[in-house]
N, C-alpha and C. Protein backbone atom coordinates (compact mmCIF):
# COMPACT_ATOMS: atom_id res chain seq x y z
N MET A 1 140.09 124.30 25.79
CA MET A 1 138.85 124.44 25.27
C MET A 1 137.81 124.24 26.27
N GLN A 2 136.76 125.43 26.37
CA GLN A 2 135.86 125.34 27.05
C GLN A 2 134.48 124.92 26.28
N LYS A 3 133.42 124.47 27.25
CA LYS A 3 132.24 123.89 26.70
C LYS A 3 131.29 124.89 25.56
N ASP A 4 131.81 126.12 25.86
CA ASP A 4 131.12 127.14 24.95
C ASP A 4 132.30 127.77 23.71
N ASP A 5 133.55 127.13 23.59
CA ASP A 5 134.10 127.72 22.74
C ASP A 5 133.60 127.20 21.20
N PRO A 6 133.78 128.28 20.21
CA PRO A 6 133.19 127.84 18.92
C PRO A 6 133.66 126.52 18.06
N LEU A 7 132.31 126.07 17.36
CA LEU A 7 132.92 124.75 16.89
C LEU A 7 133.60 125.13 15.15
N GLN A 8 134.65 124.49 14.85
CA GLN A 8 135.44 124.84 13.65
C GLN A 8 135.37 123.33 12.89
N VAL A 9 134.70 123.59 11.56
CA VAL A 9 134.88 122.37 10.82
C VAL A 9 135.40 122.62 9.52
N ALA A 10 136.62 121.91 9.43
CA ALA A 10 137.25 121.88 7.99
C ALA A 10 136.99 120.53 7.17
N CYS A 11 136.71 120.83 5.80
CA CYS A 11 136.43 119.85 4.98
C CYS A 11 137.31 119.53 4.14
N ARG A 12 137.83 118.21 3.88
CA ARG A 12 138.79 117.90 2.71
C ARG A 12 138.40 116.54 2.01
N ASP A 13 138.91 116.38 0.80
CA ASP A 13 138.66 115.12 0.20
C ASP A 13 139.62 113.99 0.97
N GLY A 14 139.07 112.71 0.95
CA GLY A 14 140.09 111.67 1.43
C GLY A 14 141.00 111.09 0.37
N ALA A 15 141.78 110.40 0.64
CA ALA A 15 142.70 109.70 -0.44
C ALA A 15 141.81 108.98 -1.35
N LEU A 16 140.88 108.46 -1.33
CA LEU A 16 140.09 107.52 -2.11
C LEU A 16 138.94 108.42 -2.58
N PRO A 17 138.52 108.50 -4.13
CA PRO A 17 137.26 109.12 -4.50
C PRO A 17 136.27 108.84 -3.82
N GLY A 18 135.41 109.96 -3.41
CA GLY A 18 134.02 109.64 -2.97
C GLY A 18 134.31 109.61 -1.33
N THR A 19 135.23 109.92 -0.87
CA THR A 19 135.59 110.03 0.41
C THR A 19 135.90 111.30 1.29
N ARG A 20 135.05 111.76 1.95
CA ARG A 20 135.20 113.24 2.49
C ARG A 20 135.60 113.13 4.00
N ILE A 21 136.41 113.80 4.60
CA ILE A 21 136.88 113.89 5.94
C ILE A 21 136.40 115.45 6.41
N LEU A 22 135.78 115.24 7.64
CA LEU A 22 135.62 116.34 8.26
C LEU A 22 136.27 116.54 9.44
N GLU A 23 137.26 117.68 9.58
CA GLU A 23 138.02 117.70 10.75
C GLU A 23 137.24 118.84 11.69
N ILE A 24 136.82 118.30 12.83
CA ILE A 24 136.01 119.06 13.87
C ILE A 24 136.96 119.32 15.08
N SER A 25 136.58 120.85 15.25
CA SER A 25 137.59 121.36 16.28
C SER A 25 136.63 122.03 17.27
N GLY A 26 136.70 121.70 18.62
CA GLY A 26 135.79 122.41 19.67
C GLY A 26 134.61 121.65 20.10
N PRO A 27 134.04 122.01 21.11
CA PRO A 27 132.81 120.89 21.58
C PRO A 27 131.64 120.92 20.80
N ILE A 28 130.99 119.64 20.86
CA ILE A 28 129.75 119.55 19.97
C ILE A 28 128.56 119.85 21.14
N THR A 29 127.85 120.94 21.31
CA THR A 29 127.08 121.19 21.94
C THR A 29 125.86 121.77 21.53
N LEU A 30 124.98 121.91 22.42
CA LEU A 30 123.63 122.60 21.95
C LEU A 30 123.93 124.09 21.28
N ALA A 31 125.00 124.52 22.08
CA ALA A 31 125.28 126.07 21.47
C ALA A 31 125.74 126.21 20.11
N ASN A 32 126.23 125.14 19.42
CA ASN A 32 126.70 125.08 18.01
C ASN A 32 125.99 123.97 17.35
N LEU A 33 124.95 123.53 17.80
CA LEU A 33 124.49 122.37 17.07
C LEU A 33 124.09 122.83 15.68
N PHE A 34 123.47 123.72 15.26
CA PHE A 34 123.25 124.06 14.24
C PHE A 34 124.38 124.39 12.93
N SER A 35 125.50 124.73 13.48
CA SER A 35 126.68 124.69 13.06
C SER A 35 127.24 123.39 12.30
N PHE A 36 127.26 122.49 13.26
CA PHE A 36 127.57 121.06 13.30
C PHE A 36 126.93 120.31 12.05
N GLN A 37 125.45 120.66 12.09
CA GLN A 37 124.70 120.02 11.23
C GLN A 37 124.49 120.28 10.05
N GLU A 38 124.93 121.83 10.00
CA GLU A 38 125.02 122.40 8.72
C GLU A 38 126.29 121.77 7.80
N ALA A 39 127.56 121.83 8.58
CA ALA A 39 128.89 121.43 8.21
C ALA A 39 128.43 119.86 7.75
N VAL A 40 128.23 118.97 8.41
CA VAL A 40 128.26 117.66 8.09
C VAL A 40 127.16 117.37 6.80
N ARG A 41 126.03 118.16 6.61
CA ARG A 41 125.28 117.93 5.80
C ARG A 41 125.48 118.72 4.08
N SER A 42 126.45 119.58 4.24
CA SER A 42 126.90 120.50 3.19
C SER A 42 127.21 119.86 1.91
N GLY A 43 127.03 120.11 0.79
CA GLY A 43 127.58 119.46 -0.51
C GLY A 43 126.89 118.21 -1.03
N PRO A 44 127.51 117.93 -2.06
CA PRO A 44 126.77 116.49 -2.25
C PRO A 44 127.21 115.27 -1.24
N ALA A 45 126.38 114.32 -1.33
CA ALA A 45 126.73 113.28 -0.33
C ALA A 45 127.86 112.44 -0.89
N PRO A 46 128.78 112.13 -0.11
CA PRO A 46 130.06 111.37 -0.24
C PRO A 46 129.57 110.01 -0.22
N LYS A 47 130.37 109.15 -0.68
CA LYS A 47 130.37 107.66 -0.43
C LYS A 47 130.70 107.28 0.99
N VAL A 48 131.95 107.94 1.38
CA VAL A 48 132.34 107.68 2.74
C VAL A 48 132.62 109.06 3.53
N SER A 49 132.09 109.09 4.71
CA SER A 49 132.33 110.31 5.45
C SER A 49 132.87 109.91 6.60
N ILE A 50 134.18 110.46 7.04
CA ILE A 50 135.01 110.43 8.27
C ILE A 50 135.09 111.49 8.84
N LEU A 51 134.35 111.29 10.14
CA LEU A 51 134.53 112.62 11.09
C LEU A 51 135.74 112.38 12.05
N ASP A 52 136.67 113.29 11.76
CA ASP A 52 137.90 113.39 12.62
C ASP A 52 137.56 114.27 14.11
N LEU A 53 137.22 113.53 14.82
CA LEU A 53 137.10 114.17 16.37
C LEU A 53 137.86 114.20 17.20
N SER A 54 139.24 114.20 16.63
CA SER A 54 140.57 114.25 17.55
C SER A 54 140.78 115.60 18.38
N GLN A 55 139.83 116.70 17.64
CA GLN A 55 139.86 118.00 18.43
C GLN A 55 138.90 118.37 19.16
N VAL A 56 137.93 117.32 19.44
CA VAL A 56 136.58 117.57 19.86
C VAL A 56 136.69 116.79 21.46
N PRO A 57 136.80 118.00 22.52
CA PRO A 57 137.08 117.66 23.76
C PRO A 57 135.73 117.31 24.78
N TYR A 58 134.69 117.56 24.10
CA TYR A 58 133.26 117.40 24.90
C TYR A 58 132.22 117.56 24.05
N MET A 59 131.08 116.62 24.18
CA MET A 59 130.29 116.26 23.39
C MET A 59 128.81 116.33 24.58
N ASP A 60 127.73 117.27 24.38
CA ASP A 60 126.82 116.92 25.13
C ASP A 60 125.73 116.17 24.56
N SER A 61 124.58 116.03 25.21
CA SER A 61 123.61 114.94 24.72
C SER A 61 122.98 115.63 23.58
N ALA A 62 122.96 116.90 23.30
CA ALA A 62 122.18 117.38 21.99
C ALA A 62 123.40 117.14 20.94
N GLY A 63 124.61 117.33 21.27
CA GLY A 63 125.89 116.99 20.24
C GLY A 63 125.65 115.47 19.81
N MET A 64 125.40 114.44 20.71
CA MET A 64 125.33 113.34 20.53
C MET A 64 123.86 112.94 19.83
N GLY A 65 123.15 113.68 20.27
CA GLY A 65 121.70 113.55 19.22
C GLY A 65 122.14 113.72 17.73
N ALA A 66 122.70 114.95 17.61
CA ALA A 66 122.96 115.59 16.10
C ALA A 66 123.99 114.40 15.45
N LEU A 67 124.83 113.73 16.29
CA LEU A 67 125.68 112.67 15.43
C LEU A 67 124.88 111.51 15.14
N ILE A 68 123.90 111.01 15.97
CA ILE A 68 123.18 110.04 15.65
C ILE A 68 122.19 110.42 14.55
N ASN A 69 121.68 111.55 14.54
CA ASN A 69 120.97 112.10 13.37
C ASN A 69 121.49 111.82 11.93
N TYR A 70 123.14 112.34 12.06
CA TYR A 70 123.72 112.41 11.04
C TYR A 70 123.99 110.89 10.55
N PHE A 71 124.27 110.18 11.44
CA PHE A 71 124.41 108.57 11.03
C PHE A 71 123.11 107.98 10.32
N THR A 72 121.90 108.45 10.84
CA THR A 72 120.55 107.85 10.17
C THR A 72 120.65 108.45 8.92
N HIS A 73 121.04 109.60 8.73
CA HIS A 73 120.72 110.51 7.28
C HIS A 73 122.03 109.94 6.43
N CYS A 74 123.18 109.43 6.86
CA CYS A 74 124.10 108.60 6.33
C CYS A 74 123.50 107.31 5.62
N GLN A 75 122.99 106.49 6.72
CA GLN A 75 122.35 105.30 6.18
C GLN A 75 121.18 105.52 5.31
N ARG A 76 120.37 106.35 5.34
CA ARG A 76 119.64 106.51 4.25
C ARG A 76 119.71 107.03 3.15
N ASN A 77 120.96 107.58 2.94
CA ASN A 77 121.67 107.97 1.68
C ASN A 77 122.72 107.16 1.14
N GLY A 78 122.90 105.97 1.69
CA GLY A 78 124.17 105.07 1.37
C GLY A 78 125.19 105.51 1.62
N VAL A 79 125.54 106.14 2.78
CA VAL A 79 126.90 106.85 2.97
C VAL A 79 127.28 106.16 4.16
N ARG A 80 128.70 105.27 3.84
CA ARG A 80 129.39 104.90 5.20
C ARG A 80 129.80 105.73 6.06
N LEU A 81 129.65 105.79 7.41
CA LEU A 81 130.15 107.00 8.32
C LEU A 81 131.01 106.27 9.32
N MET A 82 132.33 106.83 9.47
CA MET A 82 132.94 106.35 10.62
C MET A 82 133.41 107.80 11.39
N VAL A 83 133.69 107.48 12.62
CA VAL A 83 134.31 108.50 13.32
C VAL A 83 135.54 108.07 14.06
N ALA A 84 136.78 109.06 13.77
CA ALA A 84 138.03 108.68 14.07
C ALA A 84 138.80 109.58 14.85
N GLY A 85 139.58 109.14 15.83
CA GLY A 85 140.35 110.11 16.69
C GLY A 85 139.37 110.55 17.95
N VAL A 86 138.55 109.90 18.25
CA VAL A 86 137.63 109.86 19.26
C VAL A 86 138.50 110.44 20.67
N THR A 87 138.47 111.38 21.16
CA THR A 87 139.05 111.59 22.53
C THR A 87 138.57 110.88 23.77
N PRO A 88 139.28 110.51 24.88
CA PRO A 88 138.93 109.90 25.86
C PRO A 88 137.30 110.07 26.43
N ARG A 89 137.26 111.36 26.64
CA ARG A 89 136.07 111.76 27.33
C ARG A 89 134.70 111.73 26.35
N VAL A 90 134.89 111.78 24.96
CA VAL A 90 133.83 111.62 24.02
C VAL A 90 133.84 110.18 23.89
N CYS A 91 134.89 109.36 24.02
CA CYS A 91 134.59 107.83 23.62
C CYS A 91 133.98 107.13 25.02
N GLU A 92 134.00 107.69 26.03
CA GLU A 92 133.04 107.52 27.20
C GLU A 92 131.77 107.55 27.04
N LEU A 93 131.45 108.72 26.41
CA LEU A 93 130.08 109.17 26.21
C LEU A 93 129.57 108.10 25.17
N PHE A 94 130.23 107.52 24.34
CA PHE A 94 130.15 106.88 23.16
C PHE A 94 129.76 105.35 23.87
N ARG A 95 130.75 104.87 24.78
CA ARG A 95 130.47 103.73 25.45
C ARG A 95 129.40 103.57 26.40
N MET A 96 129.12 104.57 26.97
CA MET A 96 127.85 104.89 27.72
C MET A 96 126.67 104.67 27.14
N THR A 97 126.63 105.40 25.88
CA THR A 97 125.46 105.32 25.12
C THR A 97 125.42 103.98 24.08
N GLY A 98 126.53 103.43 24.00
CA GLY A 98 126.45 102.12 22.99
C GLY A 98 126.48 102.65 21.62
N VAL A 99 126.92 103.73 21.43
CA VAL A 99 127.21 104.35 20.02
C VAL A 99 128.30 103.65 19.31
N GLN A 100 129.32 103.31 20.10
CA GLN A 100 130.61 102.44 19.62
C GLN A 100 130.21 100.99 18.87
N THR A 101 128.99 100.55 19.20
CA THR A 101 128.59 99.44 18.58
C THR A 101 127.80 99.57 17.33
N ILE A 102 127.55 100.88 16.82
CA ILE A 102 127.06 100.95 15.50
C ILE A 102 127.64 101.71 14.55
N ILE A 103 128.62 102.62 15.06
CA ILE A 103 129.46 103.62 14.35
C ILE A 103 130.97 103.21 14.31
N PRO A 104 131.43 102.76 13.19
CA PRO A 104 132.92 102.40 13.58
C PRO A 104 133.62 103.61 13.81
N MET A 105 134.96 103.04 14.81
CA MET A 105 135.30 104.24 15.60
C MET A 105 137.13 103.90 15.33
N PRO A 106 137.56 103.92 14.15
CA PRO A 106 138.99 103.47 14.08
C PRO A 106 140.02 104.66 14.77
N PRO A 107 140.95 104.19 15.42
CA PRO A 107 141.75 105.30 16.26
C PRO A 107 142.41 106.77 15.50
N THR A 108 142.68 106.53 14.07
CA THR A 108 143.04 107.61 13.39
C THR A 108 142.18 107.90 12.12
N VAL A 109 142.39 109.08 11.27
CA VAL A 109 141.97 109.31 10.05
C VAL A 109 142.44 108.05 9.22
N ALA A 110 143.86 108.00 9.20
CA ALA A 110 144.78 107.13 8.34
C ALA A 110 144.09 105.64 8.54
N GLU A 111 143.63 105.12 9.70
CA GLU A 111 143.02 103.79 9.83
C GLU A 111 141.95 103.75 9.23
N ALA A 112 140.76 104.90 9.50
CA ALA A 112 139.81 104.95 8.90
C ALA A 112 139.75 104.79 7.13
N GLU A 113 140.67 105.36 6.66
CA GLU A 113 140.93 105.55 5.33
C GLU A 113 141.25 103.99 4.76
N ALA A 114 141.84 103.21 5.76
CA ALA A 114 142.26 102.01 5.26
C ALA A 114 141.29 101.16 5.13
N LEU A 115 140.18 101.41 6.08
CA LEU A 115 138.98 100.46 6.15
C LEU A 115 138.13 100.74 4.96
N VAL A 116 138.39 101.76 4.19
CA VAL A 116 137.55 102.05 2.64
C VAL A 116 137.37 101.18 1.98
């Protein structure tokens, strides 16, 4: 996967009612920022939103900004947000920016669902 590969988002219901899982594939960058924002905010607000980032090889500062923006959107709307399966490169970005201290990051979607 390259930095300019397209972003794909598949949405599915989680095991528990009110849980939405967004399986994201591709880099989250300035080039596909609007696609990301549209995907995460589409439909009615769930009780829990789990972003599966296991297929996200790269995220730039614009992508990080969009993720933080979605986090604040979730907080305002009473939605619990978790990111699961964070790849090592994206995890390093989270660590450098301190994001891992505010957004729960379970290793897998299954573990995220167990925390609901």
